[in-house]
Amino acid sequence: MPQDTAKQSSLTIRAMRAEDESEWRDLWTAYLEFYETSVPDEIYQTTFSRLMGNDPQDFSCLVAEQGGKLVGFTHYLFHRHAWKADNVCYLQDLFATPETRGTGVGRSLIEAVYKAADDAGAPSVYWLTQDFNKTARQLYDRVGKKTPFIRYQRP
């Protein structure tokens, strides 16, 4: 159900702050549950610490805030690429609460990562998703270009 214009205009995309930890944890838990996985508390703590740190090798986090409540987030990082002189940007995680899907939260978060990449001089932003993630893929088909790569990982 689309949001009314007043609600849409109150959407803010910003860097995550230390006081966001509890809400971020709830959102990341919901994200992990969507992908039928979980992580131990130690990983929550380590990840949050890295997200709050200043190491350029670590992830960054942008959150979507609406009406004083976090309704989405994205984790992303910059890394070197053997085929390019400039760093590239990997958008690892993207989540919008179910009630905000289709209202521009996901698009706004992706566009904010695009801006962060531009500001950092990283001409490429890429991400992965699972084939069953049809709702998100409808957005991704509008804001990105599907590549022919298939991901493998060590068993």
Protein backbone atom coordinates (compact mmCIF):
# COMPACT_ATOMS: atom_id res chain seq x y z
CA MET A 1 0.00 0.00 0.00
CA PRO A 2 1.64 3.27 -1.06
CA GLN A 3 2.34 5.86 1.55
CA ASP A 4 0.77 9.28 1.43
CA THR A 5 2.94 12.18 0.29
CA ALA A 6 3.36 13.58 3.79
CA LYS A 7 4.84 10.32 5.05
CA GLN A 8 7.10 9.96 2.01
CA SER A 9 8.48 13.45 2.51
CA SER A 10 9.52 12.58 6.07
CA LEU A 11 11.91 9.84 4.92
CA THR A 12 15.50 10.61 5.92
CA ILE A 13 18.55 8.66 4.80
CA ARG A 14 21.50 9.18 7.12
CA ALA A 15 24.57 7.52 8.56
CA MET A 16 23.83 5.16 11.41
CA ARG A 17 24.60 6.50 14.89
CA ALA A 18 25.58 4.67 18.08
CA GLU A 19 22.13 5.25 19.58
CA ASP A 20 20.58 3.32 16.65
CA GLU A 21 22.04 0.01 17.79
CA SER A 22 18.83 -1.53 19.18
CA GLU A 23 16.69 -0.62 16.17
CA TRP A 24 19.46 -1.64 13.76
CA ARG A 25 19.73 -4.99 15.55
CA ASP A 26 15.98 -5.57 15.12
CA LEU A 27 16.14 -4.69 11.42
CA TRP A 28 19.22 -6.83 10.79
CA THR A 29 17.56 -9.73 12.60
CA ALA A 30 14.53 -9.43 10.30
CA TYR A 31 16.85 -9.27 7.28
CA LEU A 32 18.69 -12.42 8.38
CA GLU A 33 15.40 -14.20 9.05
CA PHE A 34 14.25 -13.36 5.50
CA TYR A 35 17.30 -15.25 4.26
CA GLU A 36 16.60 -18.06 6.76
CA THR A 37 19.78 -17.57 8.72
CA SER A 38 21.01 -16.12 12.00
CA VAL A 39 24.26 -15.06 13.60
CA PRO A 40 25.46 -15.31 17.19
CA ASP A 41 25.41 -12.26 19.45
CA GLU A 42 29.18 -11.90 19.06
CA ILE A 43 28.69 -11.19 15.34
CA TYR A 44 26.07 -8.52 16.09
CA GLN A 45 28.56 -6.85 18.43
CA THR A 46 31.49 -7.16 16.02
CA THR A 47 29.48 -5.94 13.05
CA PHE A 48 28.05 -2.96 14.91
CA SER A 49 31.51 -2.04 16.18
CA ARG A 50 32.88 -2.17 12.63
CA LEU A 51 29.97 -0.12 11.30
CA MET A 52 30.70 2.55 13.91
CA GLY A 53 34.48 2.49 13.38
CA ASN A 54 36.69 4.69 11.23
CA ASP A 55 38.63 1.99 9.38
CA PRO A 56 38.12 2.58 5.63
CA GLN A 57 38.32 -1.20 5.14
CA ASP A 58 35.20 -1.72 7.26
CA PHE A 59 31.58 -1.48 6.27
CA SER A 60 29.48 1.63 6.46
CA CYS A 61 25.79 1.77 7.27
CA LEU A 62 23.09 4.11 6.09
CA VAL A 63 19.67 3.97 7.68
CA ALA A 64 16.25 5.07 6.51
CA GLU A 65 14.35 6.91 9.21
CA GLN A 66 10.68 7.78 9.06
CA GLY A 67 8.62 9.30 11.82
CA GLY A 68 11.52 8.93 14.26
CA LYS A 69 11.81 5.17 13.60
CA LEU A 70 14.31 3.21 11.52
CA VAL A 71 12.56 1.51 8.61
CA GLY A 72 15.53 0.29 6.61
CA PHE A 73 19.31 0.05 6.30
CA THR A 74 22.12 -0.77 3.94
CA HIS A 75 25.63 -2.05 4.66
CA TYR A 76 28.28 -1.27 2.06
CA LEU A 77 32.04 -1.12 1.69
CA PHE A 78 34.73 -0.01 -0.71
CA HIS A 79 37.44 -2.35 -1.93
CA ARG A 80 40.13 -2.66 -4.57
CA HIS A 81 39.43 -4.41 -7.83
CA ALA A 82 42.03 -6.06 -10.04
CA TRP A 83 40.40 -4.78 -13.22
CA LYS A 84 40.08 -1.14 -12.16
CA ALA A 85 42.39 1.53 -10.74
CA ASP A 86 39.63 2.95 -8.54
CA ASN A 87 37.96 1.19 -5.64
CA VAL A 88 34.54 -0.33 -6.21
CA CYS A 89 31.59 -0.36 -3.84
CA TYR A 90 29.92 -3.55 -2.66
CA LEU A 91 26.41 -3.09 -1.30
CA GLN A 92 26.22 -6.17 0.93
CA ASP A 93 22.90 -5.83 2.75
CA LEU A 94 19.75 -3.86 1.98
CA PHE A 95 16.55 -4.07 3.99
CA ALA A 96 13.29 -2.18 4.21
CA THR A 97 10.55 -3.15 6.64
CA PRO A 98 7.69 -5.06 4.98
CA GLU A 99 5.23 -2.20 5.53
CA THR A 100 7.49 0.26 3.67
CA ARG A 101 8.33 -1.89 0.66
CA GLY A 102 7.26 -0.30 -2.59
CA THR A 103 7.31 3.20 -1.07
CA GLY A 104 10.80 4.30 -2.11
CA VAL A 105 12.79 3.27 0.97
CA GLY A 106 14.92 0.70 -0.87
CA ARG A 107 15.46 2.97 -3.85
CA SER A 108 16.45 5.87 -1.57
CA LEU A 109 18.98 3.68 0.24
CA ILE A 110 20.50 2.43 -3.03
CA GLU A 111 20.69 5.97 -4.41
CA ALA A 112 22.41 7.09 -1.18
CA VAL A 113 25.01 4.34 -1.66
CA TYR A 114 25.43 5.48 -5.29
CA LYS A 115 26.11 9.01 -3.97
CA ALA A 116 28.57 7.71 -1.34
CA ALA A 117 30.37 5.80 -4.11
CA ASP A 118 30.47 8.89 -6.32
CA ASP A 119 31.78 10.99 -3.43
CA ALA A 120 34.49 8.38 -2.79
CA GLY A 121 35.47 8.20 -6.47
CA ALA A 122 34.25 4.60 -6.81
CA PRO A 123 32.64 4.35 -10.26
CA SER A 124 31.09 0.91 -9.70
CA VAL A 125 28.47 -0.28 -7.18
CA TYR A 126 27.42 -3.93 -7.20
CA TRP A 127 25.34 -6.29 -5.08
CA LEU A 128 23.95 -9.81 -5.00
CA THR A 129 20.53 -11.17 -4.24
CA GLN A 130 18.89 -14.55 -4.25
CA ASP A 131 16.75 -15.53 -7.20
CA PHE A 132 13.65 -15.96 -5.00
CA ASN A 133 13.81 -12.33 -3.85
CA LYS A 134 11.29 -11.24 -6.48
CA THR A 135 10.04 -8.06 -4.79
CA ALA A 136 13.53 -6.63 -4.40
CA ARG A 137 14.52 -7.76 -7.89
CA GLN A 138 11.74 -5.62 -9.36
CA LEU A 139 13.47 -2.60 -7.82
CA TYR A 140 16.95 -3.82 -8.76
CA ASP A 141 15.88 -4.19 -12.41
CA ARG A 142 14.98 -0.47 -12.38
CA VAL A 143 18.06 0.90 -10.59
CA GLY A 144 20.76 -1.52 -11.70
CA LYS A 145 21.86 -3.79 -14.49
CA LYS A 146 21.69 -7.56 -14.05
CA THR A 147 24.98 -9.25 -14.89
CA PRO A 148 25.54 -12.80 -16.12
CA PHE A 149 27.78 -13.75 -13.17
CA ILE A 150 26.89 -16.72 -10.99
CA ARG A 151 28.29 -16.76 -7.48
CA TYR A 152 30.23 -19.71 -6.06
CA GLN A 153 31.69 -20.09 -2.62
CA ARG A 154 33.82 -22.53 -0.72
CA PRO A 155 31.72 -25.36 0.76
